[in-house]
Protein backbone atom coordinates (compact mmCIF):
# COMPACT_ATOMS: atom_id res chain seq x y z
CA UNK A 1 0.00 0.00 0.00
CA UNK A 2 1.47 3.38 -0.87
CA UNK A 3 2.64 5.52 2.00
CA UNK A 4 0.23 8.19 3.08
CA UNK A 5 2.29 11.40 3.43
CA UNK A 6 -0.18 12.91 5.87
CA UNK A 7 0.17 9.82 8.06
CA UNK A 8 3.93 9.68 8.25
CA UNK A 9 5.29 10.59 11.62
CA UNK A 10 8.48 11.39 13.40
CA UNK A 11 8.14 9.27 16.51
CA UNK A 12 11.06 10.86 18.35
CA UNK A 13 8.46 12.19 20.76
CA UNK A 14 5.08 10.68 21.52
CA UNK A 15 3.47 8.33 19.07
CA UNK A 16 2.06 4.95 18.33
CA UNK A 17 3.11 2.22 15.94
CA UNK A 18 0.57 -0.19 14.48
CA UNK A 19 1.75 -3.39 12.79
CA UNK A 20 -0.82 -5.29 10.73
CA UNK A 21 0.30 -8.77 9.63
CA UNK A 22 -1.79 -10.31 6.89
CA UNK A 23 -2.08 -13.15 4.43
CA UNK A 24 -4.98 -13.63 2.02
CA UNK A 25 -7.26 -11.15 3.80
CA UNK A 26 -7.25 -8.13 1.51
CA UNK A 27 -10.86 -7.12 2.19
CA UNK A 28 -10.49 -7.25 5.98
CA UNK A 29 -7.11 -5.49 5.93
CA UNK A 30 -8.41 -2.76 3.64
CA UNK A 31 -11.24 -2.02 6.10
CA UNK A 32 -8.87 -2.14 9.08
CA UNK A 33 -6.39 0.26 7.49
CA UNK A 34 -9.16 2.67 6.57
CA UNK A 35 -10.46 2.56 10.17
CA UNK A 36 -6.95 3.29 11.45
CA UNK A 37 -6.62 6.23 9.07
CA UNK A 38 -9.88 7.66 10.35
CA UNK A 39 -8.90 7.06 13.99
CA UNK A 40 -5.64 8.98 13.60
CA UNK A 41 -7.70 12.15 13.30
CA UNK A 42 -8.56 11.73 16.98
CA UNK A 43 -4.94 11.71 18.14
CA UNK A 44 -3.91 14.71 20.22
CA UNK A 45 -1.64 17.31 18.64
CA UNK A 46 1.99 16.25 18.74
CA UNK A 47 1.20 12.54 18.81
CA UNK A 48 2.40 10.84 15.65
CA UNK A 49 1.60 7.46 14.24
CA UNK A 50 3.06 4.99 11.83
CA UNK A 51 1.45 2.00 10.19
CA UNK A 52 3.33 -1.04 8.95
CA UNK A 53 1.49 -3.51 6.77
CA UNK A 54 3.34 -6.83 6.66
CA UNK A 55 1.84 -8.88 3.85
CA UNK A 56 2.52 -12.48 2.84
CA UNK A 57 -0.29 -12.78 0.29
CA UNK A 58 -0.26 -14.13 -3.22
CA UNK A 59 0.56 -11.49 -5.87
CA UNK A 60 -3.11 -10.95 -6.80
CA UNK A 61 -4.16 -10.34 -3.18
CA UNK A 62 -1.12 -8.16 -2.55
CA UNK A 63 -2.02 -6.02 -5.58
CA UNK A 64 -5.40 -5.23 -4.00
CA UNK A 65 -3.64 -3.97 -0.86
CA UNK A 66 -1.30 -1.74 -2.86
CA UNK A 67 -4.24 0.17 -4.37
């Protein structure tokens, strides 16, 4: 999945890291990532976040996640 520039964070200060491991679950992961993107709007000022998507799917499933 392409990096979201507005979601990148410098976690030298306060912040959270979310790691989402997945395999053959593109639909569920897509919904989860979207929910996380929406939730970041509720973080207090100065609190960064980063999201790592670790995917072990077949190429077709992985292509869906990159969209």
